[in-house]
Amino acid sequence: MNTKITLPRLLILFLLPAIFGTTLQAQENLRINRIFEKYGKQKGATMVVLSGKALYNCRLDKYRSVTVKYDRAILNDMQQCLEADKKQAHRIKEVISNGLITSGYYQLPEENLINRYILFKIGDDGTATLIYMEGGRGSEELINRMFIRYGGGRTTR
């Protein structure tokens, strides 16, 4: 058994956890993470978390969504988190009705060549859906197509 450790192997051993750790922390540094943690497992909510092979064809590395039925307190919490996180965004598209964000697209700054997005929508029935996605270079085209098809909105940055 050859146990000789070369410099490239050592670099891989130390750099991979650092790179993937930063990617995993990207969402944790956002206020919306609180929404997933607080409401994702609540009765009546639907949370979806996908990564790895499930997203390969979509050119995404991470997908997380939570859908909740209309609740004024939850909606207010979501709005506050979106307001905080959109300050980091370099591209924003929103539909605002009666002072509430009813549809939002936020492209956040890249982290380690990973594109990051927040999508938000309140349906006609009051159901709110919050989505966080990460992906490499090819993901931007997919996200933009999805938002143009389903979201629309006005660009504010």
C-alpha atoms as a PDB file:
ATOM      1  CA  MET A   1       0.000   0.000   0.000  1.00  0.00           C
ATOM      2  CA  ASN A   2       1.473   3.309  -1.105  1.00  0.00           C
ATOM      3  CA  THR A   3       0.893   5.978   1.558  1.00  0.00           C
ATOM      4  CA  LYS A   4       3.098   8.613  -0.002  1.00  0.00           C
ATOM      5  CA  ILE A   5       1.312  11.976   0.179  1.00  0.00           C
ATOM      6  CA  THR A   6       2.248  14.424  -2.524  1.00  0.00           C
ATOM      7  CA  LEU A   7       1.899  18.192  -2.447  1.00  0.00           C
ATOM      8  CA  PRO A   8      -1.059  18.239  -4.903  1.00  0.00           C
ATOM      9  CA  ARG A   9      -2.922  15.702  -2.759  1.00  0.00           C
ATOM     10  CA  LEU A  10      -2.283  17.773   0.352  1.00  0.00           C
ATOM     11  CA  LEU A  11      -3.577  20.883  -1.384  1.00  0.00           C
ATOM     12  CA  ILE A  12      -6.735  19.062  -2.436  1.00  0.00           C
ATOM     13  CA  LEU A  13      -7.256  17.748   1.085  1.00  0.00           C
ATOM     14  CA  PHE A  14      -7.085  21.245   2.559  1.00  0.00           C
ATOM     15  CA  LEU A  15      -8.666  23.332  -0.193  1.00  0.00           C
ATOM     16  CA  LEU A  16     -11.771  21.285  -0.991  1.00  0.00           C
ATOM     17  CA  PRO A  17     -13.314  21.589   2.483  1.00  0.00           C
ATOM     18  CA  ALA A  18     -12.545  25.298   2.488  1.00  0.00           C
ATOM     19  CA  ILE A  19     -14.181  25.844  -0.903  1.00  0.00           C
ATOM     20  CA  PHE A  20     -17.266  23.725  -0.181  1.00  0.00           C
ATOM     21  CA  GLY A  21     -17.554  25.073   3.351  1.00  0.00           C
ATOM     22  CA  THR A  22     -17.754  28.606   1.980  1.00  0.00           C
ATOM     23  CA  THR A  23     -20.398  27.597  -0.546  1.00  0.00           C
ATOM     24  CA  LEU A  24     -22.501  25.948   2.132  1.00  0.00           C
ATOM     25  CA  GLN A  25     -22.140  29.003   4.346  1.00  0.00           C
ATOM     26  CA  ALA A  26     -23.258  31.368   1.575  1.00  0.00           C
ATOM     27  CA  GLN A  27     -26.931  30.952   2.378  1.00  0.00           C
ATOM     28  CA  GLU A  28     -26.322  30.783   6.109  1.00  0.00           C
ATOM     29  CA  ASN A  29     -25.009  34.353   5.980  1.00  0.00           C
ATOM     30  CA  LEU A  30     -28.325  35.579   4.579  1.00  0.00           C
ATOM     31  CA  ARG A  31     -31.324  36.638   6.638  1.00  0.00           C
ATOM     32  CA  ILE A  32     -33.625  34.393   4.579  1.00  0.00           C
ATOM     33  CA  ASN A  33     -31.906  31.401   6.157  1.00  0.00           C
ATOM     34  CA  ARG A  34     -33.965  32.209   9.249  1.00  0.00           C
ATOM     35  CA  ILE A  35     -37.160  31.666   7.216  1.00  0.00           C
ATOM     36  CA  PHE A  36     -36.086  28.176   6.164  1.00  0.00           C
ATOM     37  CA  GLU A  37     -35.071  27.255   9.704  1.00  0.00           C
ATOM     38  CA  LYS A  38     -38.098  28.779  11.417  1.00  0.00           C
ATOM     39  CA  TYR A  39     -40.934  27.851   9.054  1.00  0.00           C
ATOM     40  CA  GLY A  40     -39.603  25.003   6.873  1.00  0.00           C
ATOM     41  CA  LYS A  41     -40.764  22.212   9.159  1.00  0.00           C
ATOM     42  CA  GLN A  42     -43.854  23.963  10.447  1.00  0.00           C
ATOM     43  CA  LYS A  43     -47.240  22.304   9.945  1.00  0.00           C
ATOM     44  CA  GLY A  44     -48.732  23.377   6.622  1.00  0.00           C
ATOM     45  CA  ALA A  45     -45.361  24.404   5.134  1.00  0.00           C
ATOM     46  CA  THR A  46     -43.564  22.606   2.316  1.00  0.00           C
ATOM     47  CA  MET A  47     -39.777  22.709   2.204  1.00  0.00           C
ATOM     48  CA  VAL A  48     -37.700  21.271  -0.620  1.00  0.00           C
ATOM     49  CA  VAL A  49     -33.923  20.874  -0.429  1.00  0.00           C
ATOM     50  CA  LEU A  50     -32.016  19.533  -3.420  1.00  0.00           C
ATOM     51  CA  SER A  51     -28.319  19.201  -4.189  1.00  0.00           C
ATOM     52  CA  GLY A  52     -25.897  17.009  -6.073  1.00  0.00           C
ATOM     53  CA  LYS A  53     -27.110  14.748  -8.884  1.00  0.00           C
ATOM     54  CA  ALA A  54     -30.724  15.894  -8.509  1.00  0.00           C
ATOM     55  CA  LEU A  55     -29.700  19.292  -9.899  1.00  0.00           C
ATOM     56  CA  TYR A  56     -27.021  18.290 -12.390  1.00  0.00           C
ATOM     57  CA  ASN A  57     -29.127  18.858 -15.523  1.00  0.00           C
ATOM     58  CA  CYS A  58     -30.339  22.216 -14.175  1.00  0.00           C
ATOM     59  CA  ARG A  59     -26.763  23.508 -13.798  1.00  0.00           C
ATOM     60  CA  LEU A  60     -27.457  24.214 -10.135  1.00  0.00           C
ATOM     61  CA  ASP A  61     -25.515  23.138  -7.071  1.00  0.00           C
ATOM     62  CA  LYS A  62     -28.089  23.912  -4.412  1.00  0.00           C
ATOM     63  CA  TYR A  63     -31.848  24.511  -4.359  1.00  0.00           C
ATOM     64  CA  ARG A  64     -33.878  25.278  -1.273  1.00  0.00           C
ATOM     65  CA  SER A  65     -37.491  26.407  -1.172  1.00  0.00           C
ATOM     66  CA  VAL A  66     -40.196  26.892   1.396  1.00  0.00           C
ATOM     67  CA  THR A  67     -43.873  27.438   0.642  1.00  0.00           C
ATOM     68  CA  VAL A  68     -46.248  28.592   3.368  1.00  0.00           C
ATOM     69  CA  LYS A  69     -49.945  29.350   3.447  1.00  0.00           C
ATOM     70  CA  TYR A  70     -50.984  32.928   4.045  1.00  0.00           C
ATOM     71  CA  ASP A  71     -50.083  34.093   7.538  1.00  0.00           C
ATOM     72  CA  ARG A  72     -49.556  37.794   8.210  1.00  0.00           C
ATOM     73  CA  ALA A  73     -46.742  37.256  10.764  1.00  0.00           C
ATOM     74  CA  ILE A  74     -44.814  34.877   8.472  1.00  0.00           C
ATOM     75  CA  LEU A  75     -45.290  37.196   5.500  1.00  0.00           C
ATOM     76  CA  ASN A  76     -43.993  40.162   7.520  1.00  0.00           C
ATOM     77  CA  ASP A  77     -40.972  38.108   8.584  1.00  0.00           C
ATOM     78  CA  MET A  78     -40.277  37.128   4.960  1.00  0.00           C
ATOM     79  CA  GLN A  79     -40.584  40.744   3.800  1.00  0.00           C
ATOM     80  CA  GLN A  80     -38.114  41.934   6.467  1.00  0.00           C
ATOM     81  CA  CYS A  81     -35.593  39.256   5.516  1.00  0.00           C
ATOM     82  CA  LEU A  82     -35.930  40.083   1.815  1.00  0.00           C
ATOM     83  CA  GLU A  83     -35.437  43.798   2.547  1.00  0.00           C
ATOM     84  CA  ALA A  84     -32.241  43.009   4.476  1.00  0.00           C
ATOM     85  CA  ASP A  85     -30.794  40.577   1.923  1.00  0.00           C
ATOM     86  CA  LYS A  86     -31.632  42.627  -1.158  1.00  0.00           C
ATOM     87  CA  LYS A  87     -29.165  45.259   0.062  1.00  0.00           C
ATOM     88  CA  GLN A  88     -26.438  42.828  -1.040  1.00  0.00           C
ATOM     89  CA  ALA A  89     -27.992  42.150  -4.454  1.00  0.00           C
ATOM     90  CA  HIS A  90     -26.495  43.647  -7.577  1.00  0.00           C
ATOM     91  CA  ARG A  91     -29.531  42.832  -9.697  1.00  0.00           C
ATOM     92  CA  ILE A  92     -33.090  43.243  -8.457  1.00  0.00           C
ATOM     93  CA  LYS A  93     -36.453  42.757 -10.127  1.00  0.00           C
ATOM     94  CA  GLU A  94     -39.572  43.246  -8.026  1.00  0.00           C
ATOM     95  CA  VAL A  95     -43.301  43.627  -8.230  1.00  0.00           C
ATOM     96  CA  ILE A  96     -44.612  45.649  -5.303  1.00  0.00           C
ATOM     97  CA  SER A  97     -48.328  45.852  -4.561  1.00  0.00           C
ATOM     98  CA  ASN A  98     -49.802  47.825  -1.666  1.00  0.00           C
ATOM     99  CA  GLY A  99     -46.328  48.236  -0.205  1.00  0.00           C
ATOM    100  CA  LEU A 100     -45.559  44.483  -0.210  1.00  0.00           C
ATOM    101  CA  ILE A 101     -43.109  42.617  -2.395  1.00  0.00           C
ATOM    102  CA  THR A 102     -45.349  40.194  -4.259  1.00  0.00           C
ATOM    103  CA  SER A 103     -42.654  38.935  -6.618  1.00  0.00           C
ATOM    104  CA  GLY A 104     -38.899  39.297  -6.360  1.00  0.00           C
ATOM    105  CA  TYR A 105     -35.714  38.239  -8.100  1.00  0.00           C
ATOM    106  CA  TYR A 106     -32.404  39.026  -6.437  1.00  0.00           C
ATOM    107  CA  GLN A 107     -29.040  38.131  -7.914  1.00  0.00           C
ATOM    108  CA  LEU A 108     -26.467  38.218  -5.161  1.00  0.00           C
ATOM    109  CA  PRO A 109     -22.726  38.710  -5.624  1.00  0.00           C
ATOM    110  CA  GLU A 110     -20.785  35.610  -6.664  1.00  0.00           C
ATOM    111  CA  GLU A 111     -18.931  33.657  -4.020  1.00  0.00           C
ATOM    112  CA  ASN A 112     -16.098  31.410  -5.251  1.00  0.00           C
ATOM    113  CA  LEU A 113     -17.445  31.548  -8.836  1.00  0.00           C
ATOM    114  CA  ILE A 114     -20.882  30.447  -7.629  1.00  0.00           C
ATOM    115  CA  ASN A 115     -23.920  32.482  -8.714  1.00  0.00           C
ATOM    116  CA  ARG A 116     -26.495  32.975  -5.951  1.00  0.00           C
ATOM    117  CA  TYR A 117     -30.176  33.871  -6.304  1.00  0.00           C
ATOM    118  CA  ILE A 118     -33.209  34.551  -4.175  1.00  0.00           C
ATOM    119  CA  LEU A 119     -36.668  34.249  -5.739  1.00  0.00           C
ATOM    120  CA  PHE A 120     -39.907  35.142  -3.991  1.00  0.00           C
ATOM    121  CA  LYS A 121     -43.548  35.008  -5.017  1.00  0.00           C
ATOM    122  CA  ILE A 122     -46.922  35.445  -3.369  1.00  0.00           C
ATOM    123  CA  GLY A 123     -49.577  33.505  -5.273  1.00  0.00           C
ATOM    124  CA  ASP A 124     -53.140  34.645  -5.921  1.00  0.00           C
ATOM    125  CA  ASP A 125     -54.256  32.497  -2.974  1.00  0.00           C
ATOM    126  CA  GLY A 126     -51.779  34.230  -0.615  1.00  0.00           C
ATOM    127  CA  THR A 127     -49.366  31.302  -0.563  1.00  0.00           C
ATOM    128  CA  ALA A 128     -45.784  32.593  -0.314  1.00  0.00           C
ATOM    129  CA  THR A 129     -42.821  30.789  -1.848  1.00  0.00           C
ATOM    130  CA  LEU A 130     -39.203  31.642  -1.084  1.00  0.00           C
ATOM    131  CA  ILE A 131     -36.404  30.021  -3.104  1.00  0.00           C
ATOM    132  CA  TYR A 132     -32.642  30.144  -2.704  1.00  0.00           C
ATOM    133  CA  MET A 133     -30.435  28.725  -5.483  1.00  0.00           C
ATOM    134  CA  GLU A 134     -26.724  28.443  -6.183  1.00  0.00           C
ATOM    135  CA  GLY A 135     -24.991  27.384  -9.347  1.00  0.00           C
ATOM    136  CA  GLY A 136     -22.018  27.828 -11.614  1.00  0.00           C
ATOM    137  CA  ARG A 137     -21.742  29.940 -14.741  1.00  0.00           C
ATOM    138  CA  GLY A 138     -24.463  28.102 -16.670  1.00  0.00           C
ATOM    139  CA  SER A 139     -27.062  28.664 -13.971  1.00  0.00           C
ATOM    140  CA  GLU A 140     -27.594  32.350 -14.739  1.00  0.00           C
ATOM    141  CA  GLU A 141     -29.276  31.667 -18.087  1.00  0.00           C
ATOM    142  CA  LEU A 142     -31.618  29.108 -16.518  1.00  0.00           C
ATOM    143  CA  ILE A 143     -32.603  31.391 -13.629  1.00  0.00           C
ATOM    144  CA  ASN A 144     -33.225  34.331 -15.935  1.00  0.00           C
ATOM    145  CA  ARG A 145     -35.442  32.212 -18.188  1.00  0.00           C
ATOM    146  CA  MET A 146     -37.397  30.933 -15.193  1.00  0.00           C
ATOM    147  CA  PHE A 147     -37.943  34.399 -13.807  1.00  0.00           C
ATOM    148  CA  ILE A 148     -38.949  35.932 -17.122  1.00  0.00           C
ATOM    149  CA  ARG A 149     -41.478  33.103 -17.628  1.00  0.00           C
ATOM    150  CA  TYR A 150     -42.933  33.136 -14.110  1.00  0.00           C
ATOM    151  CA  GLY A 151     -42.039  36.377 -12.412  1.00  0.00           C
ATOM    152  CA  GLY A 152     -41.601  39.475 -14.497  1.00  0.00           C
ATOM    153  CA  GLY A 153     -41.116  42.585 -12.426  1.00  0.00           C
ATOM    154  CA  ARG A 154     -39.188  45.782 -12.657  1.00  0.00           C
ATOM    155  CA  THR A 155     -35.438  46.086 -12.396  1.00  0.00           C
ATOM    156  CA  THR A 156     -34.228  48.387  -9.644  1.00  0.00           C
ATOM    157  CA  ARG A 157     -30.477  47.806  -9.949  1.00  0.00           C
END
